[in-house]
Amino acid sequence: MNITLFGGSGAIGKILTEVAIQNGDNVTLYARNAGKIGQKHEKLNVVEGQLSNQDLVEQALSNADVIISTLGPALDTSRKLKGTPVADGHEVIVNAMRKLNKKRLITLATPTLKSDKDRNSIATIVPGIMAKVMFPNGYYEMKKLEEIIKRSSLDWTVVRIINPNVRHKEKRSLCLLARRSASQNGGIPRKYR
């Protein structure tokens, strides 16, 4: 399988890259700074560029069976809104996918994103409220990302996480989700996990 990964220099992206290569997948990492990618492998290709560079994003997506983003908002506690680079980057990715007729997107987000199937409980309400109060720019960015994803015609899955820095013994789950969804004709229906 050919995977294009945005956010490969972060903790989750590094794990996903490692597992994908171990599974025999070809991985194209899109990174602002290729020097932060510590891995080298014959199945690893690195494209260096800004998320706003539509041509480079299209180049990175050209052979992809599945596109995965592990990009996340900055956890800035200031009250000043500072832009939405992750959401804006997802807009570029979605537009490039549409142009290249790519259908499968898996992205990470916070519990700020809501699913129609969410039940009202502490686990579904409190994280969003906390994000809005403590990280207003990140909250705004996630709401913008939600709108971009929901209005797209892609087969998408949003994996909502609370703390990306928690260490897990099982590294394979997100990679297996990508593999499973890309191998199914039509992929997994639009949903949140």
N, C-alpha and C. Protein backbone atom coordinates (compact mmCIF):
# COMPACT_ATOMS: atom_id res chain seq x y z
N MET A 1 0.85 -1.17 0.00
CA MET A 1 0.00 0.00 0.00
C MET A 1 0.89 1.23 0.00
N ASN A 2 0.46 2.28 -0.65
CA ASN A 2 1.16 3.56 -0.68
C ASN A 2 0.44 4.54 0.24
N ILE A 3 1.17 5.00 1.25
CA ILE A 3 0.62 5.92 2.25
C ILE A 3 1.32 7.26 2.11
N THR A 4 0.55 8.33 2.09
CA THR A 4 1.12 9.67 2.23
C THR A 4 0.75 10.16 3.61
N LEU A 5 1.77 10.61 4.34
CA LEU A 5 1.59 11.00 5.73
C LEU A 5 2.02 12.44 5.94
N PHE A 6 1.11 13.20 6.50
CA PHE A 6 1.40 14.57 6.92
C PHE A 6 1.57 14.55 8.44
N GLY A 7 2.64 15.16 8.93
CA GLY A 7 2.90 15.15 10.37
C GLY A 7 3.84 14.02 10.76
N GLY A 8 4.67 13.58 9.85
CA GLY A 8 5.56 12.46 10.11
C GLY A 8 6.71 12.73 11.05
N SER A 9 6.96 14.00 11.38
CA SER A 9 8.07 14.29 12.29
C SER A 9 7.61 14.31 13.75
N GLY A 10 6.31 14.21 13.99
CA GLY A 10 5.79 14.16 15.35
C GLY A 10 5.81 12.75 15.90
N ALA A 11 5.50 12.62 17.17
CA ALA A 11 5.58 11.32 17.86
C ALA A 11 4.68 10.28 17.20
N ILE A 12 3.43 10.61 16.95
CA ILE A 12 2.51 9.64 16.35
C ILE A 12 2.92 9.34 14.91
N GLY A 13 3.31 10.36 14.17
CA GLY A 13 3.75 10.16 12.79
C GLY A 13 4.96 9.26 12.68
N LYS A 14 5.91 9.40 13.61
CA LYS A 14 7.10 8.54 13.59
C LYS A 14 6.73 7.08 13.85
N ILE A 15 5.84 6.85 14.80
CA ILE A 15 5.40 5.48 15.09
C ILE A 15 4.67 4.91 13.88
N LEU A 16 3.77 5.68 13.30
CA LEU A 16 3.01 5.22 12.15
C LEU A 16 3.93 4.88 10.98
N THR A 17 4.93 5.72 10.75
CA THR A 17 5.89 5.46 9.67
C THR A 17 6.65 4.16 9.91
N GLU A 18 7.11 3.99 11.14
CA GLU A 18 7.86 2.78 11.50
C GLU A 18 7.03 1.51 11.26
N VAL A 19 5.79 1.54 11.72
CA VAL A 19 4.93 0.37 11.59
C VAL A 19 4.57 0.12 10.12
N ALA A 20 4.30 1.18 9.38
CA ALA A 20 3.95 1.03 7.96
C ALA A 20 5.10 0.39 7.19
N ILE A 21 6.32 0.85 7.44
CA ILE A 21 7.48 0.28 6.74
C ILE A 21 7.68 -1.17 7.14
N GLN A 22 7.50 -1.48 8.42
CA GLN A 22 7.60 -2.88 8.88
C GLN A 22 6.57 -3.76 8.18
N ASN A 23 5.41 -3.18 7.84
CA ASN A 23 4.36 -3.92 7.14
C ASN A 23 4.61 -4.02 5.63
N GLY A 24 5.67 -3.39 5.15
CA GLY A 24 5.99 -3.44 3.74
C GLY A 24 5.35 -2.35 2.91
N ASP A 25 4.75 -1.36 3.56
CA ASP A 25 4.11 -0.25 2.85
C ASP A 25 5.14 0.76 2.38
N ASN A 26 4.81 1.47 1.32
CA ASN A 26 5.60 2.60 0.86
C ASN A 26 5.03 3.85 1.51
N VAL A 27 5.90 4.67 2.08
CA VAL A 27 5.45 5.86 2.81
C VAL A 27 6.08 7.10 2.20
N THR A 28 5.23 8.06 1.88
CA THR A 28 5.70 9.39 1.50
C THR A 28 5.37 10.32 2.65
N LEU A 29 6.39 10.90 3.25
CA LEU A 29 6.20 11.86 4.34
C LEU A 29 6.27 13.26 3.77
N TYR A 30 5.32 14.07 4.14
CA TYR A 30 5.34 15.48 3.77
C TYR A 30 5.72 16.25 5.02
N ALA A 31 6.82 16.99 4.96
CA ALA A 31 7.33 17.66 6.14
C ALA A 31 7.82 19.07 5.80
N ARG A 32 7.64 19.98 6.75
CA ARG A 32 8.19 21.33 6.58
C ARG A 32 9.71 21.29 6.62
N ASN A 33 10.25 20.41 7.46
CA ASN A 33 11.68 20.33 7.65
C ASN A 33 12.11 18.86 7.55
N ALA A 34 12.66 18.49 6.41
CA ALA A 34 13.07 17.10 6.19
C ALA A 34 14.15 16.68 7.18
N GLY A 35 14.89 17.62 7.72
CA GLY A 35 15.93 17.31 8.70
C GLY A 35 15.39 16.72 9.99
N LYS A 36 14.11 16.94 10.28
CA LYS A 36 13.49 16.38 11.49
C LYS A 36 13.07 14.92 11.33
N ILE A 37 13.16 14.42 10.11
CA ILE A 37 12.81 13.02 9.86
C ILE A 37 14.08 12.21 10.08
N GLY A 38 14.11 11.48 11.16
CA GLY A 38 15.31 10.72 11.50
C GLY A 38 15.41 9.39 10.80
N GLN A 39 14.36 8.95 10.17
CA GLN A 39 14.33 7.63 9.54
C GLN A 39 14.79 7.71 8.09
N LYS A 40 15.48 6.65 7.68
CA LYS A 40 15.84 6.49 6.27
C LYS A 40 15.54 5.03 5.92
N HIS A 41 14.92 4.85 4.76
CA HIS A 41 14.56 3.50 4.34
C HIS A 41 14.22 3.56 2.85
N GLU A 42 14.43 2.44 2.16
CA GLU A 42 14.12 2.40 0.72
C GLU A 42 12.64 2.58 0.44
N LYS A 43 11.77 2.30 1.43
CA LYS A 43 10.33 2.46 1.25
C LYS A 43 9.83 3.81 1.75
N LEU A 44 10.76 4.71 2.08
CA LEU A 44 10.41 6.02 2.62
C LEU A 44 10.86 7.12 1.67
N ASN A 45 9.92 7.95 1.29
CA ASN A 45 10.20 9.12 0.46
C ASN A 45 9.77 10.35 1.25
N VAL A 46 10.62 11.37 1.27
CA VAL A 46 10.29 12.60 2.00
C VAL A 46 10.14 13.75 1.02
N VAL A 47 9.01 14.44 1.12
CA VAL A 47 8.77 15.65 0.34
C VAL A 47 8.78 16.81 1.33
N GLU A 48 9.66 17.77 1.10
CA GLU A 48 9.79 18.91 2.01
C GLU A 48 9.05 20.11 1.43
N GLY A 49 8.17 20.70 2.24
CA GLY A 49 7.44 21.88 1.78
C GLY A 49 6.45 22.38 2.81
N GLN A 50 5.90 23.52 2.54
CA GLN A 50 4.87 24.10 3.39
C GLN A 50 3.52 23.50 3.02
N LEU A 51 2.62 23.45 4.00
CA LEU A 51 1.28 22.92 3.74
C LEU A 51 0.51 23.78 2.74
N SER A 52 0.92 24.99 2.57
CA SER A 52 0.22 25.89 1.64
C SER A 52 0.65 25.68 0.18
N ASN A 53 1.66 24.85 -0.07
CA ASN A 53 2.18 24.64 -1.42
C ASN A 53 1.37 23.55 -2.12
N GLN A 54 0.36 23.95 -2.85
CA GLN A 54 -0.57 23.02 -3.52
C GLN A 54 0.17 22.06 -4.45
N ASP A 55 1.14 22.56 -5.22
CA ASP A 55 1.85 21.71 -6.18
C ASP A 55 2.62 20.60 -5.48
N LEU A 56 3.32 20.92 -4.39
CA LEU A 56 4.08 19.91 -3.65
C LEU A 56 3.16 18.92 -2.95
N VAL A 57 2.04 19.42 -2.42
CA VAL A 57 1.07 18.52 -1.79
C VAL A 57 0.55 17.54 -2.83
N GLU A 58 0.22 18.02 -4.02
CA GLU A 58 -0.25 17.13 -5.09
C GLU A 58 0.82 16.11 -5.46
N GLN A 59 2.08 16.54 -5.52
CA GLN A 59 3.18 15.61 -5.81
C GLN A 59 3.24 14.52 -4.75
N ALA A 60 3.10 14.89 -3.49
CA ALA A 60 3.16 13.92 -2.39
C ALA A 60 1.99 12.94 -2.44
N LEU A 61 0.84 13.38 -2.94
CA LEU A 61 -0.36 12.53 -2.99
C LEU A 61 -0.47 11.68 -4.25
N SER A 62 0.35 11.95 -5.23
CA SER A 62 0.13 11.38 -6.56
C SER A 62 0.01 9.86 -6.59
N ASN A 63 0.76 9.13 -5.77
CA ASN A 63 0.70 7.66 -5.79
C ASN A 63 0.00 7.07 -4.58
N ALA A 64 -0.62 7.89 -3.77
CA ALA A 64 -1.19 7.42 -2.50
C ALA A 64 -2.46 6.61 -2.67
N ASP A 65 -2.55 5.54 -1.88
CA ASP A 65 -3.80 4.79 -1.74
C ASP A 65 -4.61 5.35 -0.59
N VAL A 66 -3.91 5.87 0.41
CA VAL A 66 -4.55 6.46 1.59
C VAL A 66 -3.69 7.64 2.04
N ILE A 67 -4.36 8.68 2.49
CA ILE A 67 -3.69 9.86 3.01
C ILE A 67 -4.00 9.94 4.50
N ILE A 68 -2.96 10.10 5.30
CA ILE A 68 -3.11 10.17 6.75
C ILE A 68 -2.49 11.47 7.24
N SER A 69 -3.20 12.15 8.12
CA SER A 69 -2.66 13.35 8.75
C SER A 69 -2.61 13.13 10.26
N THR A 70 -1.42 13.34 10.81
CA THR A 70 -1.27 13.33 12.26
C THR A 70 -0.96 14.74 12.76
N LEU A 71 -1.30 15.72 11.94
CA LEU A 71 -1.09 17.12 12.31
C LEU A 71 -2.06 17.51 13.41
N GLY A 72 -1.61 18.35 14.32
CA GLY A 72 -2.48 18.81 15.39
C GLY A 72 -2.21 20.27 15.70
N PRO A 73 -3.16 20.92 16.35
CA PRO A 73 -3.01 22.34 16.65
C PRO A 73 -1.99 22.57 17.77
N ALA A 74 -1.41 23.74 17.76
CA ALA A 74 -0.51 24.12 18.85
C ALA A 74 -1.34 24.31 20.12
N LEU A 75 -0.80 23.87 21.24
CA LEU A 75 -1.50 24.02 22.52
C LEU A 75 -1.05 25.33 23.16
N ASP A 76 -1.55 26.40 22.63
CA ASP A 76 -1.20 27.75 23.07
C ASP A 76 -2.31 28.26 23.98
N THR A 77 -1.98 28.62 25.21
CA THR A 77 -2.99 29.05 26.17
C THR A 77 -3.31 30.53 26.10
N SER A 78 -2.64 31.27 25.22
CA SER A 78 -2.96 32.69 25.13
C SER A 78 -4.36 32.87 24.53
N ARG A 79 -4.97 33.96 24.79
CA ARG A 79 -6.33 34.22 24.31
C ARG A 79 -6.32 34.79 22.89
N LYS A 80 -5.15 35.07 22.36
CA LYS A 80 -5.04 35.69 21.05
C LYS A 80 -5.10 34.63 19.94
N LEU A 81 -6.00 34.83 18.99
CA LEU A 81 -6.09 33.91 17.86
C LEU A 81 -4.91 34.15 16.93
N LYS A 82 -4.25 33.08 16.55
CA LYS A 82 -3.01 33.20 15.79
C LYS A 82 -3.05 32.51 14.44
N GLY A 83 -4.21 32.22 13.96
CA GLY A 83 -4.30 31.56 12.67
C GLY A 83 -4.61 30.08 12.80
N THR A 84 -4.86 29.46 11.67
CA THR A 84 -5.27 28.05 11.65
C THR A 84 -4.46 27.27 10.61
N PRO A 85 -3.15 27.14 10.81
CA PRO A 85 -2.33 26.49 9.79
C PRO A 85 -2.67 25.02 9.55
N VAL A 86 -3.07 24.29 10.59
CA VAL A 86 -3.41 22.88 10.41
C VAL A 86 -4.71 22.74 9.61
N ALA A 87 -5.71 23.50 9.97
CA ALA A 87 -6.98 23.47 9.22
C ALA A 87 -6.77 23.96 7.79
N ASP A 88 -6.00 25.03 7.63
CA ASP A 88 -5.73 25.55 6.29
C ASP A 88 -4.97 24.51 5.46
N GLY A 89 -4.04 23.80 6.10
CA GLY A 89 -3.31 22.74 5.41
C GLY A 89 -4.22 21.60 4.99
N HIS A 90 -5.18 21.27 5.85
CA HIS A 90 -6.16 20.23 5.49
C HIS A 90 -7.01 20.67 4.30
N GLU A 91 -7.29 21.93 4.22
CA GLU A 91 -8.04 22.44 3.05
C GLU A 91 -7.24 22.20 1.78
N VAL A 92 -5.94 22.47 1.82
CA VAL A 92 -5.07 22.22 0.66
C VAL A 92 -5.04 20.72 0.35
N ILE A 93 -4.90 19.90 1.37
CA ILE A 93 -4.87 18.44 1.18
C ILE A 93 -6.17 17.95 0.54
N VAL A 94 -7.31 18.39 1.07
CA VAL A 94 -8.61 17.98 0.54
C VAL A 94 -8.77 18.43 -0.91
N ASN A 95 -8.36 19.66 -1.22
CA ASN A 95 -8.45 20.15 -2.60
C ASN A 95 -7.57 19.33 -3.54
N ALA A 96 -6.35 18.99 -3.08
CA ALA A 96 -5.45 18.18 -3.90
C ALA A 96 -6.04 16.78 -4.10
N MET A 97 -6.62 16.22 -3.04
CA MET A 97 -7.25 14.90 -3.16
C MET A 97 -8.38 14.93 -4.18
N ARG A 98 -9.19 15.97 -4.12
CA ARG A 98 -10.29 16.10 -5.08
C ARG A 98 -9.74 16.16 -6.50
N LYS A 99 -8.73 16.98 -6.71
CA LYS A 99 -8.15 17.14 -8.04
C LYS A 99 -7.56 15.83 -8.57
N LEU A 100 -6.92 15.05 -7.68
CA LEU A 100 -6.26 13.81 -8.09
C LEU A 100 -7.16 12.58 -7.95
N ASN A 101 -8.41 12.81 -7.61
CA ASN A 101 -9.38 11.73 -7.43
C ASN A 101 -8.94 10.72 -6.37
N LYS A 102 -8.40 11.22 -5.28
CA LYS A 102 -8.05 10.39 -4.12
C LYS A 102 -9.22 10.44 -3.16
N LYS A 103 -9.56 9.32 -2.56
CA LYS A 103 -10.80 9.25 -1.78
C LYS A 103 -10.61 9.05 -0.29
N ARG A 104 -9.51 8.43 0.14
CA ARG A 104 -9.41 7.96 1.53
C ARG A 104 -8.52 8.86 2.38
N LEU A 105 -9.11 9.46 3.41
CA LEU A 105 -8.40 10.34 4.34
C LEU A 105 -8.65 9.88 5.77
N ILE A 106 -7.57 9.72 6.51
CA ILE A 106 -7.64 9.46 7.94
C ILE A 106 -6.90 10.61 8.61
N THR A 107 -7.53 11.25 9.56
CA THR A 107 -6.88 12.38 10.23
C THR A 107 -7.11 12.31 11.73
N LEU A 108 -6.18 12.87 12.45
CA LEU A 108 -6.33 12.98 13.90
C LEU A 108 -7.00 14.30 14.23
N ALA A 109 -7.70 14.32 15.33
CA ALA A 109 -8.31 15.55 15.83
C ALA A 109 -8.54 15.39 17.33
N THR A 110 -9.06 16.41 17.92
CA THR A 110 -9.37 16.38 19.34
C THR A 110 -10.86 16.11 19.52
N PRO A 111 -11.29 15.85 20.75
CA PRO A 111 -12.72 15.64 20.99
C PRO A 111 -13.57 16.89 20.74
N THR A 112 -12.94 17.99 20.39
CA THR A 112 -13.69 19.19 19.99
C THR A 112 -14.57 18.88 18.79
N LEU A 113 -14.09 18.01 17.90
CA LEU A 113 -14.91 17.58 16.77
C LEU A 113 -16.01 16.67 17.27
N LYS A 114 -17.19 16.90 16.80
CA LYS A 114 -18.35 16.15 17.27
C LYS A 114 -18.85 15.19 16.19
N SER A 115 -19.36 14.09 16.66
CA SER A 115 -20.02 13.12 15.79
C SER A 115 -21.51 13.13 16.11
N ASP A 116 -22.30 12.88 15.10
CA ASP A 116 -23.75 12.79 15.32
C ASP A 116 -24.09 11.64 16.27
N LYS A 117 -23.18 10.69 16.40
CA LYS A 117 -23.43 9.53 17.25
C LYS A 117 -22.90 9.70 18.67
N ASP A 118 -22.30 10.84 18.97
CA ASP A 118 -21.84 11.09 20.34
C ASP A 118 -23.03 11.11 21.29
N ARG A 119 -22.84 10.49 22.44
CA ARG A 119 -23.84 10.59 23.51
C ARG A 119 -23.36 11.64 24.49
N ASN A 120 -24.28 12.37 25.06
CA ASN A 120 -23.90 13.36 26.06
C ASN A 120 -23.40 12.66 27.31
N SER A 121 -22.12 12.85 27.58
CA SER A 121 -21.51 12.32 28.78
C SER A 121 -20.31 13.20 29.12
N ILE A 122 -19.76 12.98 30.27
CA ILE A 122 -18.58 13.76 30.66
C ILE A 122 -17.48 13.60 29.63
N ALA A 123 -17.30 12.38 29.13
CA ALA A 123 -16.23 12.10 28.18
C ALA A 123 -16.40 12.82 26.84
N THR A 124 -17.63 13.16 26.47
CA THR A 124 -17.85 13.84 25.19
C THR A 124 -18.06 15.34 25.34
N ILE A 125 -18.39 15.81 26.50
CA ILE A 125 -18.66 17.23 26.70
C ILE A 125 -17.47 17.98 27.28
N VAL A 126 -16.90 17.46 28.35
CA VAL A 126 -15.86 18.19 29.08
C VAL A 126 -14.62 18.50 28.23
N PRO A 127 -14.08 17.55 27.45
CA PRO A 127 -12.88 17.89 26.67
C PRO A 127 -13.08 19.08 25.73
N GLY A 128 -14.23 19.18 25.10
CA GLY A 128 -14.50 20.30 24.22
C GLY A 128 -14.59 21.62 24.96
N ILE A 129 -15.23 21.60 26.13
CA ILE A 129 -15.32 22.82 26.94
C ILE A 129 -13.94 23.23 27.42
N MET A 130 -13.17 22.25 27.89
CA MET A 130 -11.82 22.56 28.37
C MET A 130 -10.96 23.15 27.25
N ALA A 131 -11.05 22.59 26.06
CA ALA A 131 -10.28 23.09 24.92
C ALA A 131 -10.68 24.52 24.60
N LYS A 132 -11.97 24.80 24.61
CA LYS A 132 -12.44 26.14 24.28
C LYS A 132 -11.94 27.16 25.28
N VAL A 133 -11.89 26.79 26.56
CA VAL A 133 -11.45 27.70 27.61
C VAL A 133 -9.93 27.80 27.66
N MET A 134 -9.25 26.65 27.61
CA MET A 134 -7.80 26.64 27.82
C MET A 134 -6.99 26.89 26.55
N PHE A 135 -7.48 26.43 25.42
CA PHE A 135 -6.75 26.53 24.15
C PHE A 135 -7.67 27.07 23.06
N PRO A 136 -8.08 28.34 23.17
CA PRO A 136 -9.08 28.84 22.22
C PRO A 136 -8.65 28.79 20.76
N ASN A 137 -7.38 29.03 20.48
CA ASN A 137 -6.96 28.97 19.09
C ASN A 137 -7.02 27.54 18.56
N GLY A 138 -6.58 26.57 19.38
CA GLY A 138 -6.67 25.16 18.98
C GLY A 138 -8.11 24.72 18.79
N TYR A 139 -8.99 25.21 19.67
CA TYR A 139 -10.42 24.89 19.55
C TYR A 139 -10.97 25.43 18.22
N TYR A 140 -10.68 26.68 17.92
CA TYR A 140 -11.15 27.29 16.68
C TYR A 140 -10.61 26.52 15.47
N GLU A 141 -9.33 26.14 15.56
CA GLU A 141 -8.72 25.40 14.45
C GLU A 141 -9.42 24.06 14.23
N MET A 142 -9.72 23.34 15.30
CA MET A 142 -10.39 22.05 15.19
C MET A 142 -11.81 22.21 14.64
N LYS A 143 -12.52 23.24 15.03
CA LYS A 143 -13.87 23.47 14.49
C LYS A 143 -13.81 23.77 12.99
N LYS A 144 -12.79 24.51 12.58
CA LYS A 144 -12.61 24.79 11.16
C LYS A 144 -12.27 23.51 10.41
N LEU A 145 -11.42 22.67 10.98
CA LEU A 145 -11.07 21.38 10.38
C LEU A 145 -12.31 20.51 10.23
N GLU A 146 -13.14 20.50 11.27
CA GLU A 146 -14.38 19.73 11.23
C GLU A 146 -15.24 20.13 10.03
N GLU A 147 -15.37 21.40 9.81
CA GLU A 147 -16.19 21.89 8.69
C GLU A 147 -15.60 21.47 7.35
N ILE A 148 -14.27 21.57 7.22
CA ILE A 148 -13.59 21.18 5.97
C ILE A 148 -13.83 19.71 5.67
N ILE A 149 -13.66 18.87 6.68
CA ILE A 149 -13.81 17.42 6.49
C ILE A 149 -15.26 17.06 6.18
N LYS A 150 -16.18 17.61 6.95
CA LYS A 150 -17.60 17.25 6.78
C LYS A 150 -18.15 17.67 5.43
N ARG A 151 -17.69 18.78 4.88
CA ARG A 151 -18.24 19.22 3.60
C ARG A 151 -17.55 18.56 2.41
N SER A 152 -16.48 17.80 2.66
CA SER A 152 -15.80 17.12 1.57
C SER A 152 -16.61 15.89 1.14
N SER A 153 -16.28 15.37 -0.01
CA SER A 153 -16.94 14.15 -0.50
C SER A 153 -16.03 12.93 -0.30
N LEU A 154 -15.04 13.05 0.56
CA LEU A 154 -14.08 11.98 0.79
C LEU A 154 -14.65 10.88 1.68
N ASP A 155 -14.05 9.71 1.58
CA ASP A 155 -14.26 8.66 2.58
C ASP A 155 -13.27 8.98 3.69
N TRP A 156 -13.79 9.50 4.80
CA TRP A 156 -12.88 9.97 5.85
C TRP A 156 -13.17 9.30 7.18
N THR A 157 -12.12 9.24 7.97
CA THR A 157 -12.22 8.81 9.36
C THR A 157 -11.44 9.80 10.19
N VAL A 158 -12.04 10.30 11.23
CA VAL A 158 -11.38 11.18 12.18
C VAL A 158 -11.13 10.37 13.44
N VAL A 159 -9.87 10.27 13.82
CA VAL A 159 -9.49 9.57 15.05
C VAL A 159 -9.28 10.65 16.11
N ARG A 160 -10.20 10.69 17.06
CA ARG A 160 -10.13 11.74 18.09
C ARG A 160 -9.26 11.26 19.25
N ILE A 161 -8.29 12.08 19.59
CA ILE A 161 -7.40 11.75 20.70
C ILE A 161 -7.39 12.90 21.70
N ILE A 162 -7.16 12.59 22.94
CA ILE A 162 -7.08 13.63 23.97
C ILE A 162 -5.63 14.01 24.22
N ASN A 163 -4.74 13.04 24.41
CA ASN A 163 -3.36 13.33 24.72
C ASN A 163 -2.45 12.55 23.79
N PRO A 164 -1.85 13.23 22.79
CA PRO A 164 -1.00 12.52 21.84
C PRO A 164 0.32 12.06 22.45
N ASN A 165 0.63 12.48 23.66
CA ASN A 165 1.91 12.15 24.27
C ASN A 165 1.86 10.92 25.16
N VAL A 166 0.68 10.31 25.29
CA VAL A 166 0.56 9.09 26.09
C VAL A 166 1.28 7.96 25.35
N ARG A 167 2.08 7.22 26.07
CA ARG A 167 2.84 6.12 25.47
C ARG A 167 1.99 4.84 25.50
N HIS A 168 1.93 4.19 24.36
CA HIS A 168 1.16 2.95 24.25
C HIS A 168 2.08 1.82 23.85
N LYS A 169 1.80 0.64 24.37
CA LYS A 169 2.56 -0.54 23.97
C LYS A 169 2.19 -0.96 22.56
N GLU A 170 0.95 -0.73 22.18
CA GLU A 170 0.47 -1.16 20.87
C GLU A 170 0.58 -0.01 19.89
N LYS A 171 1.58 -0.07 19.00
CA LYS A 171 1.82 0.98 18.02
C LYS A 171 1.02 0.78 16.75
N ARG A 172 0.45 -0.38 16.57
CA ARG A 172 -0.07 -0.77 15.28
C ARG A 172 -1.48 -0.30 14.96
N SER A 173 -2.25 0.19 15.93
CA SER A 173 -3.68 0.37 15.70
C SER A 173 -4.01 1.35 14.58
N LEU A 174 -3.40 2.52 14.54
CA LEU A 174 -3.73 3.49 13.48
C LEU A 174 -3.27 2.97 12.12
N CYS A 175 -2.10 2.35 12.09
CA CYS A 175 -1.61 1.80 10.83
C CYS A 175 -2.51 0.67 10.33
N LEU A 176 -2.97 -0.18 11.23
CA LEU A 176 -3.88 -1.25 10.83
C LEU A 176 -5.21 -0.69 10.34
N LEU A 177 -5.69 0.39 10.96
CA LEU A 177 -6.90 1.05 10.49
C LEU A 177 -6.70 1.54 9.06
N ALA A 178 -5.55 2.14 8.79
CA ALA A 178 -5.27 2.63 7.44
C ALA A 178 -5.23 1.48 6.44
N ARG A 179 -4.54 0.41 6.81
CA ARG A 179 -4.41 -0.74 5.91
C ARG A 179 -5.78 -1.36 5.63
N ARG A 180 -6.56 -1.56 6.69
CA ARG A 180 -7.88 -2.18 6.55
C ARG A 180 -8.79 -1.32 5.68
N SER A 181 -8.77 -0.01 5.90
CA SER A 181 -9.70 0.85 5.17
C SER A 181 -9.29 0.99 3.71
N ALA A 182 -8.00 1.01 3.43
CA ALA A 182 -7.57 1.15 2.05
C ALA A 182 -7.83 -0.12 1.25
N SER A 183 -7.82 -1.27 1.93
CA SER A 183 -8.03 -2.53 1.21
C SER A 183 -9.50 -2.81 0.93
N GLN A 184 -10.40 -2.12 1.64
CA GLN A 184 -11.82 -2.33 1.40
C GLN A 184 -12.25 -1.47 0.22
N ASN A 185 -12.99 -2.03 -0.67
CA ASN A 185 -13.50 -1.22 -1.78
C ASN A 185 -14.43 -0.16 -1.22
N GLY A 186 -14.09 1.07 -1.48
CA GLY A 186 -14.90 2.17 -0.97
C GLY A 186 -14.49 2.64 0.40
N GLY A 187 -13.65 1.90 1.10
CA GLY A 187 -13.15 2.34 2.41
C GLY A 187 -14.21 2.27 3.49
N ILE A 188 -13.83 2.75 4.63
CA ILE A 188 -14.73 2.81 5.78
C ILE A 188 -15.67 3.99 5.58
N PRO A 189 -16.93 3.86 5.89
CA PRO A 189 -17.84 5.00 5.77
C PRO A 189 -17.36 6.15 6.65
N ARG A 190 -17.82 7.31 6.33
CA ARG A 190 -17.47 8.51 7.09
C ARG A 190 -17.84 8.32 8.54
N LYS A 191 -16.90 8.49 9.40
CA LYS A 191 -17.21 8.35 10.81
C LYS A 191 -16.08 8.86 11.67
N TYR A 192 -16.37 8.90 12.93
CA TYR A 192 -15.40 9.26 13.94
C TYR A 192 -15.11 8.04 14.76
N ARG A 193 -13.92 7.89 15.20
CA ARG A 193 -13.53 6.80 16.09
C ARG A 193 -13.21 7.40 17.43
